[in-house]
Amino acid sequence: MTDPALTADPGRETGVWPSIRTERAALAADLTDLTDGQWATPSLCAGLSVREVLAHLTAGASLNSVRWLAGVIRCRFDFDKQVAMRLAEQLGATPGETLERFRRVVPSTTKPPLPAIAMLGETIVHGEDIRRPLGIRRDHPIAVVTAAAEYYRGSDLVVVARGRIGGLRLVADDGPFATGSGPLVSGRTLALVMAMTGRAAYCDDLEGDGVELLRSRMGL
């Protein structure tokens, strides 16, 4: 059963923020010994390298609502431009500096105007954007990844997720997550989360009559 502290009130310090810190710390540990070539590896986040995705995570953990709004205004409401600007601010001169900046924000509770559960989802999803191309595997606690799945199934706030899975039945085979009706898509909860958020590579890890329909929606 999903930990109610992670789902009943997504903003509760006792539920979501400790999980965010744990996920950040695990990612930092996984990246400790990367070579320069590995840092330059294309991530699953389109157009960004492993190093750039990590800088993006640092930016998200460094940006409060006031700075976020100021950046939006500065970028004339071009949200993609704002993301690129904040990423560049946190990239640093070397991969080592990029990693050190991320380590410093591991305990941060600073966030843009998003629910804390969205920050957990971003940490998990972008962490896997980095890990999968590098061949690194993390066994996320099932309660944590289920909480992210529950968030994404009802949200199009940051990425199109709810719209992507419309008319499909998603069922986890390693935990309690299930949602929707229609052709079946089943597999690990993590693979469902990643597919919901548009990562086509994870469709290869899923089974069921609805997988190809889900794959066809990856451009949403």
Protein backbone atom coordinates (compact mmCIF):
# COMPACT_ATOMS: atom_id res chain seq x y z
CA MET A 1 0.00 0.00 0.00
CA THR A 2 1.21 3.51 -0.81
CA ASP A 3 2.47 5.47 2.19
CA PRO A 4 -0.38 7.92 2.96
CA ALA A 5 2.16 10.53 4.00
CA LEU A 6 3.25 10.69 0.37
CA THR A 7 -0.21 11.02 -1.13
CA ALA A 8 -2.72 12.46 1.31
CA ASP A 9 -1.10 15.91 1.45
CA PRO A 10 1.63 16.31 -1.17
CA GLY A 11 3.13 19.37 0.54
CA ARG A 12 3.72 17.81 3.95
CA GLU A 13 7.31 18.08 5.10
CA THR A 14 6.97 14.72 6.85
CA GLY A 15 6.10 12.98 3.58
CA VAL A 16 7.43 14.39 0.34
CA TRP A 17 10.54 16.42 1.18
CA PRO A 18 12.48 13.59 2.87
CA SER A 19 11.82 11.47 -0.20
CA ILE A 20 13.05 14.26 -2.49
CA ARG A 21 16.23 14.57 -0.46
CA THR A 22 16.78 10.82 -0.55
CA GLU A 23 16.32 10.70 -4.32
CA ARG A 24 18.67 13.64 -4.88
CA ALA A 25 21.34 12.12 -2.63
CA ALA A 26 21.09 8.78 -4.43
CA LEU A 27 21.50 10.48 -7.80
CA ALA A 28 24.53 12.45 -6.63
CA ALA A 29 26.12 9.23 -5.37
CA ASP A 30 25.45 7.46 -8.67
CA LEU A 31 27.24 10.21 -10.62
CA THR A 32 30.36 10.50 -8.46
CA ASP A 33 32.80 8.73 -10.76
CA LEU A 34 31.59 9.67 -14.24
CA THR A 35 34.11 10.37 -16.97
CA ASP A 36 33.94 13.50 -19.11
CA GLY A 37 32.54 11.36 -21.91
CA GLN A 38 29.76 10.05 -19.70
CA TRP A 39 28.84 13.57 -18.62
CA ALA A 40 28.39 14.45 -22.30
CA THR A 41 26.11 11.46 -22.97
CA PRO A 42 22.72 12.43 -24.46
CA SER A 43 20.03 12.01 -21.81
CA LEU A 44 16.45 10.89 -22.34
CA CYS A 45 15.42 14.54 -21.98
CA ALA A 46 15.41 15.68 -25.60
CA GLY A 47 18.34 17.85 -26.56
CA LEU A 48 20.09 17.77 -23.17
CA SER A 49 23.19 15.94 -22.05
CA VAL A 50 23.46 14.11 -18.73
CA ARG A 51 25.34 17.09 -17.30
CA GLU A 52 22.71 19.57 -18.52
CA VAL A 53 19.85 17.60 -16.98
CA LEU A 54 21.64 17.62 -13.64
CA ALA A 55 22.08 21.40 -13.90
CA HIS A 56 18.36 21.66 -14.66
CA LEU A 57 17.57 19.78 -11.44
CA THR A 58 19.86 22.14 -9.52
CA ALA A 59 18.06 25.11 -11.03
CA GLY A 60 14.68 23.77 -9.95
CA ALA A 61 15.90 23.36 -6.39
CA SER A 62 17.30 26.91 -6.36
CA LEU A 63 14.35 28.81 -7.78
CA ASN A 64 11.65 30.18 -5.51
CA SER A 65 8.36 31.64 -6.71
CA VAL A 66 9.65 35.23 -6.77
CA ARG A 67 12.73 34.40 -8.85
CA TRP A 68 10.65 32.14 -11.09
CA LEU A 69 8.20 34.94 -11.84
CA ALA A 70 11.01 37.42 -12.40
CA GLY A 71 12.57 35.05 -14.89
CA VAL A 72 9.29 34.51 -16.69
CA ILE A 73 8.87 38.26 -17.09
CA ARG A 74 12.49 38.68 -18.17
CA CYS A 75 12.00 35.96 -20.80
CA ARG A 76 8.69 37.52 -21.91
CA PHE A 77 6.68 34.46 -20.86
CA ASP A 78 8.78 32.12 -23.00
CA PHE A 79 8.95 29.25 -20.50
CA ASP A 80 11.45 27.22 -22.55
CA LYS A 81 13.77 30.24 -22.62
CA GLN A 82 13.44 30.56 -18.85
CA VAL A 83 14.36 26.88 -18.38
CA ALA A 84 17.43 27.27 -20.63
CA MET A 85 18.51 30.43 -18.82
CA ARG A 86 18.29 28.85 -15.37
CA LEU A 87 20.09 25.70 -16.56
CA ALA A 88 22.97 27.80 -17.86
CA GLU A 89 23.20 29.57 -14.50
CA GLN A 90 23.79 26.25 -12.73
CA LEU A 91 25.96 24.39 -15.26
CA GLY A 92 29.31 25.52 -13.89
CA ALA A 93 32.66 25.48 -15.64
CA THR A 94 33.30 21.74 -15.33
CA PRO A 95 31.32 18.54 -14.73
CA GLY A 96 32.78 18.42 -11.22
CA GLU A 97 31.35 21.85 -10.51
CA THR A 98 27.99 20.81 -11.95
CA LEU A 99 27.89 17.86 -9.56
CA GLU A 100 29.04 19.93 -6.57
CA ARG A 101 26.30 22.50 -7.19
CA PHE A 102 23.74 19.69 -7.25
CA ARG A 103 25.10 18.23 -4.02
CA ARG A 104 24.60 21.59 -2.33
CA VAL A 105 20.87 21.59 -3.14
CA VAL A 106 20.17 18.03 -1.96
CA PRO A 107 18.53 19.31 1.29
CA SER A 108 16.85 22.32 -0.36
CA THR A 109 13.11 22.86 0.01
CA THR A 110 13.17 25.83 -2.37
CA LYS A 111 10.87 25.36 -5.35
CA PRO A 112 9.02 27.21 -8.11
CA PRO A 113 5.23 27.59 -7.74
CA LEU A 114 4.60 23.85 -7.99
CA PRO A 115 3.39 21.31 -5.43
CA ALA A 116 6.13 19.42 -3.62
CA ILE A 117 4.98 16.17 -5.23
CA ALA A 118 5.84 17.69 -8.62
CA MET A 119 9.40 18.20 -7.37
CA LEU A 120 9.54 14.56 -6.33
CA GLY A 121 8.30 13.51 -9.76
CA GLU A 122 10.86 15.72 -11.49
CA THR A 123 13.67 14.30 -9.38
CA ILE A 124 12.68 10.72 -10.21
CA VAL A 125 12.03 11.32 -13.91
CA HIS A 126 15.11 13.42 -14.62
CA GLY A 127 17.19 11.05 -12.50
CA GLU A 128 16.17 8.24 -14.84
CA ASP A 129 16.74 10.50 -17.87
CA ILE A 130 20.34 10.48 -16.66
CA ARG A 131 20.70 6.91 -15.40
CA ARG A 132 19.26 4.89 -18.25
CA PRO A 133 21.64 6.13 -20.97
CA LEU A 134 24.53 5.49 -18.56
CA GLY A 135 23.37 1.97 -17.71
CA ILE A 136 22.81 2.83 -14.04
CA ARG A 137 19.87 1.25 -12.23
CA ARG A 138 18.21 2.46 -9.05
CA ASP A 139 15.57 0.44 -7.22
CA HIS A 140 13.34 3.27 -6.06
CA PRO A 141 11.18 2.58 -2.98
CA ILE A 142 7.84 1.45 -4.35
CA ALA A 143 5.87 3.89 -2.17
CA VAL A 144 7.87 6.80 -3.57
CA VAL A 145 7.56 5.89 -7.24
CA THR A 146 3.87 5.06 -6.73
CA ALA A 147 3.32 8.53 -5.28
CA ALA A 148 4.86 10.00 -8.44
CA ALA A 149 2.63 7.81 -10.62
CA GLU A 150 -0.46 8.92 -8.71
CA TYR A 151 0.52 12.55 -9.26
CA TYR A 152 1.19 12.24 -12.98
CA ARG A 153 -1.96 10.29 -13.77
CA GLY A 154 -4.03 13.36 -12.89
CA SER A 155 -1.75 16.16 -14.05
CA ASP A 156 -0.67 17.92 -17.22
CA LEU A 157 0.90 20.74 -15.18
CA VAL A 158 4.57 20.42 -16.14
CA VAL A 159 4.44 17.68 -18.77
CA VAL A 160 1.48 16.16 -20.59
CA ALA A 161 0.82 12.98 -18.64
CA ARG A 162 -2.91 12.77 -18.00
CA GLY A 163 -3.64 13.53 -21.64
CA ARG A 164 -1.08 10.99 -22.84
CA ILE A 165 -2.69 8.08 -20.98
CA GLY A 166 -6.33 8.89 -21.74
CA GLY A 167 -8.34 5.83 -22.78
CA LEU A 168 -5.72 3.39 -21.49
CA ARG A 169 -5.61 1.07 -18.49
CA LEU A 170 -2.27 1.29 -16.67
CA VAL A 171 -1.44 -1.42 -14.13
CA ALA A 172 1.81 -1.83 -12.21
CA ASP A 173 3.11 -5.37 -11.74
CA ASP A 174 5.37 -4.46 -8.82
CA GLY A 175 3.06 -2.30 -6.70
CA PRO A 176 -0.49 -1.05 -6.17
CA PHE A 177 -0.67 1.57 -8.92
CA ALA A 178 -3.55 1.22 -11.40
CA THR A 179 -5.54 3.79 -13.31
CA GLY A 180 -7.84 4.30 -16.27
CA SER A 181 -9.81 2.03 -18.54
CA GLY A 182 -9.20 0.74 -22.03
CA PRO A 183 -6.35 -1.23 -23.64
CA LEU A 184 -3.88 -2.53 -21.06
CA VAL A 185 -0.41 -1.17 -20.42
CA SER A 186 1.44 -3.01 -17.66
CA GLY A 187 4.93 -3.15 -16.19
CA ARG A 188 7.06 -1.74 -13.41
CA THR A 189 5.73 1.41 -11.77
CA LEU A 190 8.88 3.29 -12.77
CA ALA A 191 8.43 2.34 -16.43
CA LEU A 192 4.82 3.54 -16.30
CA VAL A 193 5.91 6.87 -14.79
CA MET A 194 8.57 7.36 -17.43
CA ALA A 195 6.20 6.47 -20.26
CA MET A 196 3.50 8.75 -18.85
CA THR A 197 5.99 11.60 -18.98
CA GLY A 198 6.95 10.95 -22.59
CA ARG A 199 10.03 8.74 -22.44
CA ALA A 200 9.55 6.38 -25.40
CA ALA A 201 12.47 4.13 -24.40
CA TYR A 202 10.43 2.86 -21.46
CA CYS A 203 7.66 1.59 -23.72
CA ASP A 204 10.07 -1.25 -24.47
CA ASP A 205 9.70 -2.30 -20.82
CA LEU A 206 5.90 -2.43 -20.93
CA GLU A 207 3.39 -5.03 -22.08
CA GLY A 208 -0.22 -5.02 -23.24
CA ASP A 209 -2.46 -4.08 -26.11
CA GLY A 210 -2.19 -0.37 -25.28
CA VAL A 211 1.59 -0.03 -25.47
CA GLU A 212 1.77 0.97 -29.14
CA LEU A 213 -0.99 3.55 -28.70
CA LEU A 214 0.93 5.00 -25.76
CA ARG A 215 4.12 5.00 -27.81
CA SER A 216 2.36 6.90 -30.59
CA ARG A 217 1.55 9.69 -28.13
CA MET A 218 5.13 10.36 -27.08
CA GLY A 219 5.25 13.60 -29.05
CA LEU A 220 2.43 15.21 -27.05
